[in-house]
Protein backbone atom coordinates (compact mmCIF):
# COMPACT_ATOMS: atom_id res chain seq x y z
CA MET A 1 127.84 100.87 116.29
CA SER A 2 125.73 99.80 113.65
CA VAL A 3 125.04 96.43 112.63
CA LYS A 4 125.05 95.12 108.85
CA LEU A 5 123.54 92.13 108.25
CA SER A 6 124.03 90.17 104.72
CA LEU A 7 121.13 88.01 103.35
CA CYS A 8 122.72 84.84 104.11
CA ASP A 9 123.10 85.86 107.79
CA THR A 10 121.13 83.80 110.21
CA LYS A 11 120.27 87.11 112.37
CA ALA A 12 118.56 88.85 109.16
CA VAL A 13 114.79 88.94 108.96
CA ARG A 14 113.18 86.89 106.90
CA ARG A 15 110.27 88.17 105.38
CA THR A 16 107.96 86.80 103.12
CA TYR A 17 105.12 88.75 100.96
CA LEU A 18 101.76 87.36 100.90
CA LYS A 19 98.76 88.94 99.52
CA VAL A 20 95.99 89.31 102.43
CA GLY A 21 92.61 90.28 101.36
CA ASP A 22 93.48 93.26 99.15
CA ALA A 23 96.76 94.31 100.73
CA VAL A 24 100.51 92.25 100.03
CA VAL A 25 101.77 91.71 103.60
CA GLY A 26 105.50 91.39 104.62
CA LEU A 27 105.36 88.22 107.86
CA GLN A 28 108.43 87.58 109.48
CA ASP A 29 109.52 83.87 109.03
CA VAL A 30 106.83 82.16 107.06
CA ASP A 31 108.90 80.08 105.02
CA ILE A 32 110.62 78.33 108.01
CA ILE A 33 107.21 77.98 109.71
CA ALA A 34 105.88 76.12 106.50
CA LYS A 35 108.27 74.38 106.63
CA THR A 36 108.15 73.40 110.49
CA VAL A 37 104.38 72.90 110.19
CA ARG A 38 105.09 70.75 107.08
CA GLY A 39 107.24 68.03 109.39
CA LEU A 40 104.90 67.93 111.87
CA ASN A 41 103.04 65.32 109.39
CA LEU A 42 99.00 66.85 110.70
CA GLN A 43 96.72 64.87 108.17
CA GLN A 44 93.70 67.63 108.52
CA GLU A 45 94.05 71.08 106.54
CA GLU A 46 92.11 72.92 109.29
CA GLU A 47 94.68 71.16 111.45
CA ILE A 48 97.10 72.50 109.14
CA LYS A 49 95.59 75.96 109.03
CA ARG A 50 95.26 76.61 113.02
CA GLU A 51 98.57 75.76 113.50
CA LEU A 52 100.46 77.78 111.04
CA LEU A 53 97.92 80.89 112.26
CA SER A 54 99.21 80.05 115.40
CA ARG A 55 102.81 79.90 114.55
CA VAL A 56 103.16 82.98 112.26
CA LYS A 57 101.01 84.78 115.19
CA LEU A 58 104.17 84.40 117.53
CA VAL A 59 106.36 86.23 115.57
CA ASN A 60 104.18 89.15 113.00
CA TYR A 61 101.23 90.78 114.55
CA ILE A 62 97.83 89.79 113.24
CA PRO A 63 94.33 91.40 114.71
CA ASP A 64 91.77 88.55 115.50
CA SER A 65 89.71 89.86 112.79
CA ALA A 66 91.63 89.53 109.91
CA ASN A 67 92.23 85.71 111.26
CA ALA A 68 90.56 84.17 108.15
CA LYS A 69 91.80 86.13 105.56
CA TYR A 70 95.41 85.14 106.77
CA ILE A 71 94.69 81.86 106.98
CA GLU A 72 93.59 81.84 103.75
CA ALA A 73 96.75 83.50 102.53
CA LEU A 74 98.86 81.15 104.41
CA TRP A 75 96.98 78.16 102.75
CA GLY A 76 98.21 79.08 99.74
CA TYR A 77 101.26 79.68 100.34
CA TYR A 78 101.60 76.62 102.39
CA SER A 79 100.14 74.75 99.54
CA GLU A 80 102.10 76.46 96.92
CA ILE A 81 105.44 75.54 98.37
CA ASN A 82 104.55 71.93 99.34
CA LEU A 83 103.34 71.30 95.73
CA ILE A 84 107.25 72.53 94.56
CA GLN A 85 109.27 70.37 97.00
CA LYS A 86 107.65 67.17 96.80
């Protein structure tokens, strides 16, 4: 039995592609995580970055050695979508 998921299906995997260092990486649920973190009303940039990374790591494998690169990529994405949504 095969399962087909449409793009509108809430069970479908949601990937966002970000440039992390020299690579383009597909990360699951980044859009939802960014909106959730925005709703926390955190004030400090470092707090936001830590929260983004910790939540993204719950659903994506990110080696600790790459944390800094991912933080910068996630911060860029977060900043961009928050400028659009304000």
